[in-house]
Every structure is written in structure tokens, then in C-alpha cells.
């Protein structure tokens, strides 16, 4: 028994016109890849709660300051964190509310799925 064919040209045309450009999708993919690293997520979650200097983040995560600095550089490259200098100390915070929203919604999604199980 053969499968019934249906016409989905209108659907494909509508969806196709809404699809972002390939370059945009690559940048979005890279953006989400940054969240795929546990250390970077821990840093972002810490900054979700408070602005901190490298030494405080280092102590919180029990990691070397150089390892934290490396990850902060990646996060800055993707505009997820910003830096503010006060004397010799540099303080880091989430760059804007978009970052807070991404982290918060991801966290809520995980909790919701755990509660369902």
C-alpha cells in the first residue's frame, strides 16, 4: 500500500522565507556552543548571582585564576560577560538581560523536565 502524497509547497515556502541566513545560523550555533562547556556555565551562573573578580570566581569554582581568565576571554568574545575595572581589580558581570534570560530559561527547562520524571 503506497503512502499518500500531499502538497506542502506553501508550507515550505512560508518556512523557507523565515529561515535565517546560513551565516546567522552559524553564529547562533557558535553562541550555543559556548554554553556547552561546564566551566563556562558555572562562571555564567555565578555571575547570574553577582558581579565578581577573577580571584572570587577562581575561589568559588576551585580553579586556577588563569583557567578562569581563559574562560572569561571566551565569554567576552561572545559578548556574554562584560568587564569593569576598579583600580587594579577587574570585575565581571553578565553583559545584559538576554544572557540572564538564556541561563534562566535553560535552568527552568531542566527543572521542569526533572519534575515530570
N, C-alpha and C. Protein backbone atom coordinates (compact mmCIF):
# COMPACT_ATOMS: atom_id res chain seq x y z
N UNK A 1 0.85 -1.17 0.00
CA UNK A 1 0.00 0.00 0.00
C UNK A 1 0.90 1.24 0.00
N UNK A 2 0.75 2.11 -0.98
CA UNK A 2 1.60 3.30 -1.12
C UNK A 2 1.19 4.41 -0.18
N UNK A 3 2.17 5.28 0.15
CA UNK A 3 1.90 6.42 1.00
C UNK A 3 1.21 7.52 0.21
N UNK A 4 0.23 8.16 0.80
CA UNK A 4 -0.48 9.23 0.13
C UNK A 4 0.40 10.48 0.12
N UNK A 5 0.56 11.08 -1.04
CA UNK A 5 1.35 12.31 -1.17
C UNK A 5 0.46 13.50 -0.87
N UNK A 6 1.04 14.50 -0.28
CA UNK A 6 0.29 15.73 -0.06
C UNK A 6 1.16 16.91 -0.49
N UNK A 7 0.51 18.00 -0.76
CA UNK A 7 1.20 19.19 -1.27
C UNK A 7 1.59 20.08 -0.09
N UNK A 8 2.88 20.23 0.10
CA UNK A 8 3.36 21.06 1.21
C UNK A 8 4.21 22.22 0.70
N UNK A 9 4.02 22.60 -0.58
CA UNK A 9 4.78 23.71 -1.16
C UNK A 9 4.55 25.02 -0.41
N UNK A 10 3.31 25.32 -0.08
CA UNK A 10 3.00 26.58 0.62
C UNK A 10 3.69 26.61 1.98
N UNK A 11 3.65 25.49 2.68
CA UNK A 11 4.32 25.40 3.98
C UNK A 11 5.82 25.62 3.84
N UNK A 12 6.44 24.95 2.89
CA UNK A 12 7.89 25.08 2.69
C UNK A 12 8.27 26.49 2.27
N UNK A 13 7.43 27.11 1.46
CA UNK A 13 7.71 28.49 1.05
C UNK A 13 7.65 29.43 2.24
N UNK A 14 6.62 29.27 3.08
CA UNK A 14 6.47 30.13 4.26
C UNK A 14 7.63 29.93 5.23
N UNK A 15 7.96 28.68 5.52
CA UNK A 15 9.05 28.38 6.45
C UNK A 15 10.38 28.83 5.86
N UNK A 16 10.57 28.58 4.58
CA UNK A 16 11.82 28.95 3.92
C UNK A 16 12.08 30.45 3.95
N UNK A 17 11.04 31.26 3.85
CA UNK A 17 11.23 32.72 3.88
C UNK A 17 11.57 33.20 5.29
N UNK A 18 11.22 32.43 6.30
CA UNK A 18 11.50 32.82 7.68
C UNK A 18 12.85 32.28 8.18
N UNK A 19 13.44 31.36 7.45
CA UNK A 19 14.71 30.74 7.86
C UNK A 19 15.83 31.78 7.81
N UNK A 20 16.58 31.93 8.91
CA UNK A 20 17.71 32.88 8.90
C UNK A 20 18.78 32.45 7.90
N UNK A 21 19.60 33.40 7.49
CA UNK A 21 20.70 33.13 6.57
C UNK A 21 21.67 32.13 7.20
N UNK A 22 22.37 31.38 6.36
CA UNK A 22 23.33 30.37 6.81
C UNK A 22 24.36 30.96 7.77
N UNK A 23 24.87 32.14 7.45
CA UNK A 23 25.88 32.79 8.31
C UNK A 23 25.30 33.10 9.69
N UNK A 24 24.06 33.53 9.73
CA UNK A 24 23.40 33.82 11.00
C UNK A 24 23.23 32.55 11.82
N UNK A 25 22.83 31.47 11.15
CA UNK A 25 22.68 30.19 11.85
C UNK A 25 24.02 29.68 12.37
N UNK A 26 25.11 29.91 11.64
CA UNK A 26 26.44 29.52 12.12
C UNK A 26 26.79 30.30 13.38
N UNK A 27 26.53 31.60 13.38
CA UNK A 27 26.83 32.42 14.56
C UNK A 27 25.98 31.97 15.75
N UNK A 28 24.72 31.63 15.49
CA UNK A 28 23.84 31.15 16.56
C UNK A 28 24.33 29.81 17.10
N UNK A 29 24.78 28.95 16.22
CA UNK A 29 25.32 27.66 16.63
C UNK A 29 26.56 27.86 17.50
N UNK A 30 27.45 28.76 17.10
CA UNK A 30 28.64 29.06 17.89
C UNK A 30 28.26 29.64 19.25
N UNK A 31 27.25 30.49 19.26
CA UNK A 31 26.77 31.10 20.50
C UNK A 31 26.33 30.01 21.48
N UNK A 32 25.53 29.06 21.02
CA UNK A 32 25.06 27.99 21.90
C UNK A 32 26.17 27.02 22.27
N UNK A 33 27.16 26.87 21.42
CA UNK A 33 28.30 26.01 21.72
C UNK A 33 29.05 26.52 22.96
N UNK A 34 29.09 27.83 23.14
CA UNK A 34 29.75 28.41 24.32
C UNK A 34 29.10 27.90 25.60
N UNK A 35 27.79 27.69 25.56
CA UNK A 35 27.07 27.19 26.74
C UNK A 35 27.31 25.70 26.97
N UNK A 36 27.96 25.03 26.03
CA UNK A 36 28.21 23.60 26.13
C UNK A 36 29.36 23.22 27.03
N UNK A 37 30.06 24.20 27.56
CA UNK A 37 31.21 23.94 28.44
C UNK A 37 30.78 24.14 29.90
N UNK A 38 30.97 23.11 30.71
CA UNK A 38 30.52 23.15 32.11
C UNK A 38 31.17 24.28 32.90
N UNK A 39 32.45 24.52 32.69
CA UNK A 39 33.13 25.59 33.43
C UNK A 39 32.55 26.94 33.06
N UNK A 40 32.34 27.18 31.77
CA UNK A 40 31.75 28.46 31.37
C UNK A 40 30.34 28.62 31.94
N UNK A 41 29.59 27.53 31.96
CA UNK A 41 28.24 27.60 32.56
C UNK A 41 28.31 27.94 34.04
N UNK A 42 29.25 27.34 34.73
CA UNK A 42 29.40 27.62 36.16
C UNK A 42 29.77 29.08 36.38
N UNK A 43 30.65 29.61 35.54
CA UNK A 43 31.03 31.03 35.64
C UNK A 43 29.80 31.90 35.39
N UNK A 44 29.07 31.60 34.31
CA UNK A 44 27.88 32.39 33.99
C UNK A 44 26.85 32.32 35.11
N UNK A 45 26.67 31.13 35.68
CA UNK A 45 25.70 31.01 36.75
C UNK A 45 26.14 31.80 37.98
N UNK A 46 27.43 31.78 38.27
CA UNK A 46 27.94 32.60 39.37
C UNK A 46 27.70 34.07 39.12
N UNK A 47 27.93 34.51 37.89
CA UNK A 47 27.72 35.92 37.54
C UNK A 47 26.24 36.25 37.44
N UNK A 48 25.41 35.25 37.28
CA UNK A 48 23.96 35.42 37.32
C UNK A 48 23.57 35.96 38.70
N UNK A 49 24.32 35.54 39.72
CA UNK A 49 24.02 35.92 41.10
C UNK A 49 24.69 37.22 41.52
N UNK A 50 25.93 37.47 41.03
CA UNK A 50 26.65 38.66 41.48
C UNK A 50 27.83 38.97 40.57
N UNK A 51 28.21 40.24 40.53
CA UNK A 51 29.43 40.67 39.84
C UNK A 51 30.61 40.16 40.66
N UNK A 52 31.66 39.64 39.98
CA UNK A 52 32.80 39.08 40.70
C UNK A 52 34.11 39.35 39.96
N UNK A 53 35.19 39.36 40.71
CA UNK A 53 36.52 39.44 40.13
C UNK A 53 37.03 38.02 39.86
N UNK A 54 38.12 37.92 39.10
CA UNK A 54 38.67 36.61 38.75
C UNK A 54 39.01 35.81 39.99
N UNK A 55 39.60 36.44 40.99
CA UNK A 55 40.00 35.69 42.18
C UNK A 55 38.79 35.11 42.92
N UNK A 56 37.67 35.84 42.94
CA UNK A 56 36.46 35.33 43.59
C UNK A 56 35.88 34.16 42.81
N UNK A 57 35.84 34.29 41.48
CA UNK A 57 35.34 33.19 40.64
C UNK A 57 36.23 31.97 40.80
N UNK A 58 37.53 32.22 40.81
CA UNK A 58 38.51 31.15 40.97
C UNK A 58 38.28 30.39 42.28
N UNK A 59 38.06 31.12 43.34
CA UNK A 59 37.81 30.51 44.65
C UNK A 59 36.47 29.76 44.66
N UNK A 60 35.45 30.38 44.09
CA UNK A 60 34.12 29.76 44.04
C UNK A 60 34.15 28.42 43.32
N UNK A 61 34.87 28.37 42.20
CA UNK A 61 34.89 27.16 41.38
C UNK A 61 36.07 26.24 41.69
N UNK A 62 36.92 26.67 42.61
CA UNK A 62 38.10 25.90 43.00
C UNK A 62 38.96 25.58 41.77
N UNK A 63 39.27 26.64 41.02
CA UNK A 63 40.08 26.52 39.82
C UNK A 63 41.13 27.63 39.83
N UNK A 64 42.16 27.47 39.00
CA UNK A 64 43.20 28.49 38.93
C UNK A 64 42.66 29.76 38.27
N UNK A 65 43.25 30.88 38.66
CA UNK A 65 42.86 32.16 38.08
C UNK A 65 43.12 32.19 36.58
N UNK A 66 44.19 31.54 36.13
CA UNK A 66 44.49 31.53 34.70
C UNK A 66 43.44 30.73 33.92
N UNK A 67 42.95 29.63 34.49
CA UNK A 67 41.89 28.85 33.83
C UNK A 67 40.60 29.67 33.74
N UNK A 68 40.30 30.40 34.80
CA UNK A 68 39.11 31.25 34.82
C UNK A 68 39.26 32.38 33.80
N UNK A 69 40.44 33.00 33.77
CA UNK A 69 40.69 34.09 32.83
C UNK A 69 40.51 33.62 31.38
N UNK A 70 40.99 32.42 31.10
CA UNK A 70 40.84 31.88 29.75
C UNK A 70 39.36 31.76 29.38
N UNK A 71 38.56 31.21 30.28
CA UNK A 71 37.14 31.03 30.00
C UNK A 71 36.41 32.38 29.92
N UNK A 72 36.82 33.33 30.75
CA UNK A 72 36.22 34.66 30.69
C UNK A 72 36.51 35.33 29.35
N UNK A 73 37.69 35.08 28.80
CA UNK A 73 38.04 35.64 27.49
C UNK A 73 37.08 35.10 26.42
N UNK A 74 36.80 33.80 26.48
CA UNK A 74 35.84 33.21 25.53
C UNK A 74 34.47 33.85 25.71
N UNK A 75 34.04 33.98 26.95
CA UNK A 75 32.74 34.57 27.23
C UNK A 75 32.66 36.03 26.77
N UNK A 76 33.76 36.75 26.92
CA UNK A 76 33.80 38.15 26.44
C UNK A 76 33.75 38.19 24.93
N UNK A 77 34.44 37.26 24.27
CA UNK A 77 34.45 37.22 22.80
C UNK A 77 33.04 37.05 22.24
N UNK A 78 32.17 36.38 22.99
CA UNK A 78 30.79 36.17 22.56
C UNK A 78 29.83 37.17 23.22
N UNK A 79 30.38 38.20 23.84
CA UNK A 79 29.59 39.26 24.47
C UNK A 79 28.61 38.73 25.52
N UNK A 80 29.03 37.69 26.23
CA UNK A 80 28.18 37.15 27.29
C UNK A 80 28.51 37.76 28.64
N UNK A 81 29.74 38.25 28.80
CA UNK A 81 30.12 38.94 30.02
C UNK A 81 30.79 40.26 29.65
N UNK A 82 30.79 41.16 30.61
CA UNK A 82 31.49 42.44 30.44
C UNK A 82 32.40 42.65 31.63
N UNK A 83 33.38 43.50 31.43
CA UNK A 83 34.37 43.76 32.48
C UNK A 83 34.31 45.23 32.89
N UNK A 84 34.58 45.43 34.16
CA UNK A 84 34.63 46.79 34.72
C UNK A 84 35.86 46.86 35.61
N UNK A 85 36.72 47.84 35.36
CA UNK A 85 37.94 47.98 36.15
C UNK A 85 37.71 48.96 37.29
N UNK A 86 38.18 48.54 38.46
CA UNK A 86 38.15 49.41 39.64
C UNK A 86 39.54 49.33 40.26
N UNK A 87 40.36 50.34 40.02
CA UNK A 87 41.76 50.28 40.43
C UNK A 87 42.47 49.19 39.64
N UNK A 88 43.10 48.26 40.36
CA UNK A 88 43.79 47.16 39.69
C UNK A 88 42.90 45.93 39.50
N UNK A 89 41.71 45.97 40.06
CA UNK A 89 40.82 44.81 40.01
C UNK A 89 39.81 44.96 38.88
N UNK A 90 39.60 43.86 38.15
CA UNK A 90 38.60 43.82 37.08
C UNK A 90 37.43 42.97 37.57
N UNK A 91 36.26 43.54 37.49
CA UNK A 91 35.04 42.84 37.91
C UNK A 91 34.25 42.43 36.67
N UNK A 92 33.71 41.23 36.72
CA UNK A 92 32.95 40.69 35.60
C UNK A 92 31.49 40.55 35.98
N UNK A 93 30.64 40.76 34.98
CA UNK A 93 29.20 40.59 35.17
C UNK A 93 28.61 40.10 33.85
N UNK A 94 27.36 39.65 33.90
CA UNK A 94 26.68 39.26 32.67
C UNK A 94 26.52 40.52 31.82
N UNK A 95 26.67 40.36 30.52
CA UNK A 95 26.66 41.54 29.66
C UNK A 95 25.31 42.23 29.56
N UNK A 96 24.22 41.46 29.63
CA UNK A 96 22.90 42.08 29.56
C UNK A 96 21.82 41.09 30.00
N UNK A 97 20.59 41.55 29.96
CA UNK A 97 19.48 40.71 30.41
C UNK A 97 19.22 39.53 29.48
N UNK A 98 19.67 39.60 28.21
CA UNK A 98 19.49 38.47 27.31
C UNK A 98 20.22 37.25 27.85
N UNK A 99 21.42 37.46 28.35
CA UNK A 99 22.22 36.35 28.88
C UNK A 99 21.52 35.77 30.11
N UNK A 100 21.03 36.64 30.95
CA UNK A 100 20.30 36.22 32.15
C UNK A 100 19.07 35.39 31.75
N UNK A 101 18.38 35.81 30.70
CA UNK A 101 17.19 35.11 30.22
C UNK A 101 17.54 33.72 29.68
N UNK A 102 18.60 33.63 28.87
CA UNK A 102 19.01 32.34 28.31
C UNK A 102 19.34 31.36 29.43
N UNK A 103 20.12 31.81 30.40
CA UNK A 103 20.50 30.95 31.52
C UNK A 103 19.27 30.57 32.34
N UNK A 104 18.46 31.56 32.67
CA UNK A 104 17.28 31.32 33.49
C UNK A 104 16.29 30.38 32.83
N UNK A 105 16.04 30.57 31.53
CA UNK A 105 15.09 29.71 30.85
C UNK A 105 15.63 28.30 30.68
N UNK A 106 16.93 28.18 30.41
CA UNK A 106 17.54 26.86 30.32
C UNK A 106 17.41 26.12 31.64
N UNK A 107 17.68 26.82 32.73
CA UNK A 107 17.60 26.23 34.06
C UNK A 107 16.17 25.79 34.37
N UNK A 108 15.20 26.67 34.07
CA UNK A 108 13.79 26.33 34.30
C UNK A 108 13.37 25.13 33.47
N UNK A 109 13.85 25.06 32.24
CA UNK A 109 13.52 23.93 31.37
C UNK A 109 14.01 22.62 31.96
N UNK A 110 15.25 22.62 32.46
CA UNK A 110 15.83 21.42 33.06
C UNK A 110 15.03 21.01 34.30
N UNK A 111 14.72 21.98 35.16
CA UNK A 111 13.96 21.67 36.38
C UNK A 111 12.58 21.12 36.03
N UNK A 112 11.94 21.71 35.04
CA UNK A 112 10.61 21.27 34.64
C UNK A 112 10.63 19.82 34.15
N UNK A 113 11.64 19.48 33.36
CA UNK A 113 11.75 18.13 32.83
C UNK A 113 12.06 17.13 33.95
N UNK A 114 12.85 17.55 34.95
CA UNK A 114 13.17 16.67 36.08
C UNK A 114 11.92 16.42 36.92
N UNK A 115 11.09 17.45 37.08
CA UNK A 115 9.86 17.29 37.87
C UNK A 115 8.87 16.35 37.19
N UNK A 116 8.87 16.34 35.85
CA UNK A 116 7.96 15.47 35.10
C UNK A 116 8.32 14.01 35.26
N UNK A 117 9.59 13.74 35.52
CA UNK A 117 10.05 12.35 35.61
C UNK A 117 9.91 11.83 36.97
